[in-house]
């Protein structure tokens, strides 16, 4: 199962974990590849305990406050932590996966910006501010991207250059 399977689930409306369990139990798939719907666009943002202003180094500590955005058919939050949880140094500092869905890329991205603005976390440093900046960056919004985008166009806001 891909770690980004929630994006596929949002676009198809299928529960891939349930389908995988059904097949593992010996049941046939209930639909063909041609019958898999592809509706709209989805984004996934991974909320990490990390410090973008310190070269994205992981951070550790207790989540003193953790309120994810409200969920809906268009906003999903997958998380295994809650207020009081400890983000340690011996495991992946992932706090949550935030997934948004829309009728098109612009709609899904708009929903992501709203959801990120609603996210409340107090405790270790997180990348929520960085992700909000990224989701609102002109080049990202207009899909003018390449593999150096974060370092060149978004990293500057955290490294204090003035290229953007």
Protein backbone atom coordinates (compact mmCIF):
# COMPACT_ATOMS: atom_id res chain seq x y z
CA UNK A 1 0.00 0.00 0.00
CA UNK A 2 1.44 3.36 -0.95
CA UNK A 3 1.77 5.89 1.88
CA UNK A 4 -0.12 8.40 -0.27
CA UNK A 5 -3.11 6.04 -0.66
CA UNK A 6 -5.46 8.63 0.92
CA UNK A 7 -4.99 10.80 -2.19
CA UNK A 8 -6.09 7.90 -4.39
CA UNK A 9 -8.99 7.18 -2.04
CA UNK A 10 -10.18 10.80 -2.20
CA UNK A 11 -10.07 10.85 -6.01
CA UNK A 12 -11.66 7.43 -6.53
CA UNK A 13 -13.99 7.25 -3.54
CA UNK A 14 -12.67 3.73 -2.91
CA UNK A 15 -11.43 2.35 0.40
CA UNK A 16 -8.16 0.80 -0.75
CA UNK A 17 -7.40 -0.78 2.62
CA UNK A 18 -10.78 -2.55 2.62
CA UNK A 19 -10.24 -3.71 -0.96
CA UNK A 20 -6.79 -5.04 -0.05
CA UNK A 21 -8.25 -6.96 2.90
CA UNK A 22 -11.01 -8.38 0.69
CA UNK A 23 -8.49 -9.63 -1.87
CA UNK A 24 -6.25 -11.03 0.88
CA UNK A 25 -9.30 -12.97 2.11
CA UNK A 26 -9.67 -14.55 -1.32
CA UNK A 27 -12.48 -12.38 -2.64
CA UNK A 28 -12.31 -10.97 -6.16
CA UNK A 29 -11.98 -7.26 -6.81
CA UNK A 30 -15.49 -5.81 -7.14
CA UNK A 31 -14.58 -3.69 -10.19
CA UNK A 32 -12.20 -3.60 -13.13
CA UNK A 33 -9.50 -0.99 -13.70
CA UNK A 34 -11.72 0.65 -16.29
CA UNK A 35 -14.48 1.02 -13.68
CA UNK A 36 -12.28 2.91 -11.19
CA UNK A 37 -13.56 6.49 -11.07
CA UNK A 38 -11.16 9.42 -11.17
CA UNK A 39 -12.97 12.49 -9.89
CA UNK A 40 -11.32 15.83 -9.23
CA UNK A 41 -7.93 16.53 -7.70
CA UNK A 42 -6.38 15.90 -4.27
CA UNK A 43 -3.38 17.11 -2.29
CA UNK A 44 -1.62 15.59 0.68
CA UNK A 45 0.39 17.66 3.15
CA UNK A 46 2.46 15.82 5.71
CA UNK A 47 2.47 17.65 9.04
CA UNK A 48 5.83 17.02 10.71
CA UNK A 49 7.49 18.00 13.96
CA UNK A 50 10.37 19.67 12.19
CA UNK A 51 11.82 23.14 11.96
CA UNK A 52 11.92 24.60 8.42
CA UNK A 53 13.92 27.57 9.75
CA UNK A 54 16.60 25.14 10.95
CA UNK A 55 17.16 23.16 7.75
CA UNK A 56 14.01 21.06 8.41
CA UNK A 57 15.64 19.25 11.32
CA UNK A 58 13.20 17.12 13.33
CA UNK A 59 11.93 18.47 16.62
CA UNK A 60 10.74 16.57 19.68
CA UNK A 61 8.50 17.27 22.63
CA UNK A 62 4.96 17.04 23.91
CA UNK A 63 1.99 18.25 21.91
CA UNK A 64 0.56 20.75 24.38
CA UNK A 65 -2.25 21.60 21.97
CA UNK A 66 -3.33 19.69 18.85
CA UNK A 67 -6.52 20.57 17.00
CA UNK A 68 -6.60 19.49 13.36
CA UNK A 69 -8.97 21.22 10.95
CA UNK A 70 -12.54 19.99 10.74
CA UNK A 71 -12.93 16.98 8.46
CA UNK A 72 -15.52 16.52 5.71
CA UNK A 73 -15.93 14.71 2.41
CA UNK A 74 -13.28 17.11 1.07
CA UNK A 75 -10.89 17.28 4.06
CA UNK A 76 -9.32 14.23 5.68
CA UNK A 77 -6.82 14.06 8.54
CA UNK A 78 -4.96 10.82 9.26
CA UNK A 79 -3.14 11.06 12.58
CA UNK A 80 -2.02 8.85 15.41
CA UNK A 81 -1.36 11.60 17.91
CA UNK A 82 -3.42 13.88 20.12
CA UNK A 83 -2.89 16.57 22.72
CA UNK A 84 -0.41 15.23 25.26
CA UNK A 85 1.30 12.86 22.83
CA UNK A 86 5.08 12.84 22.88
CA UNK A 87 6.95 13.26 19.62
CA UNK A 88 10.19 11.44 20.35
CA UNK A 89 13.59 11.34 18.74
CA UNK A 90 13.60 7.63 17.91
CA UNK A 91 10.73 7.57 15.39
CA UNK A 92 9.49 9.46 12.36
CA UNK A 93 8.26 12.89 13.56
CA UNK A 94 5.08 12.65 11.46
CA UNK A 95 2.12 14.24 13.25
CA UNK A 96 -0.54 13.87 10.58
CA UNK A 97 -1.38 13.62 6.92
CA UNK A 98 -3.79 16.31 5.75
CA UNK A 99 -5.58 15.45 2.52
CA UNK A 100 -7.92 17.73 0.60
CA UNK A 101 -10.08 17.03 -2.42
CA UNK A 102 -11.70 19.39 -4.90
CA UNK A 103 -13.40 19.42 -8.27
CA UNK A 104 -10.08 20.57 -9.79
CA UNK A 105 -6.52 21.46 -8.73
CA UNK A 106 -7.40 25.04 -7.77
CA UNK A 107 -10.32 23.91 -5.60
CA UNK A 108 -8.28 21.19 -3.85
CA UNK A 109 -5.43 23.66 -3.24
CA UNK A 110 -7.83 26.31 -1.90
CA UNK A 111 -9.22 23.73 0.53
CA UNK A 112 -5.65 22.85 1.56
CA UNK A 113 -4.86 26.51 2.33
CA UNK A 114 -8.02 26.81 4.44
CA UNK A 115 -7.32 23.56 6.30
CA UNK A 116 -3.70 24.53 7.01
CA UNK A 117 -4.87 27.91 8.34
CA UNK A 118 -7.22 26.08 10.72
CA UNK A 119 -4.58 23.66 12.00
CA UNK A 120 -3.61 24.36 15.63
CA UNK A 121 -0.45 22.85 17.12
CA UNK A 122 1.54 23.95 20.16
CA UNK A 123 4.60 22.03 21.26
CA UNK A 124 7.46 21.00 19.01
CA UNK A 125 8.22 23.13 15.96
CA UNK A 126 6.18 22.06 12.94
CA UNK A 127 6.15 22.64 9.21
CA UNK A 128 2.56 23.98 9.11
CA UNK A 129 3.65 27.58 8.44
CA UNK A 130 5.99 26.37 5.70
CA UNK A 131 3.26 24.26 4.08
CA UNK A 132 0.89 27.25 4.20
CA UNK A 133 3.53 29.39 2.53
CA UNK A 134 4.12 26.71 -0.10
CA UNK A 135 0.39 26.25 -0.82
CA UNK A 136 0.02 30.00 -1.35
CA UNK A 137 3.20 30.57 -3.34
CA UNK A 138 2.43 31.98 -6.81
CA UNK A 139 4.62 29.45 -8.63
CA UNK A 140 3.05 26.53 -6.75
CA UNK A 141 -0.48 27.82 -7.34
CA UNK A 142 0.28 28.17 -11.05
CA UNK A 143 2.03 24.76 -11.15
CA UNK A 144 5.34 26.23 -12.32
CA UNK A 145 7.35 23.56 -10.55
CA UNK A 146 10.54 21.57 -10.81
CA UNK A 147 12.63 19.49 -8.43
CA UNK A 148 14.46 22.58 -7.10
CA UNK A 149 11.29 24.52 -6.30
CA UNK A 150 11.39 24.25 -2.50
CA UNK A 151 15.08 25.03 -2.20
CA UNK A 152 15.02 27.94 -4.63
CA UNK A 153 11.54 29.44 -4.35
CA UNK A 154 10.35 28.56 -0.87
CA UNK A 155 13.51 27.94 1.07
CA UNK A 156 14.40 31.58 0.60
CA UNK A 157 11.64 32.67 2.99
CA UNK A 158 13.26 30.55 5.65
CA UNK A 159 16.85 31.37 4.73
CA UNK A 160 16.06 35.10 4.52
CA UNK A 161 16.94 35.79 0.89
CA UNK A 162 14.76 38.07 -1.20
CA UNK A 163 14.38 36.21 -4.52
CA UNK A 164 10.60 35.79 -4.23
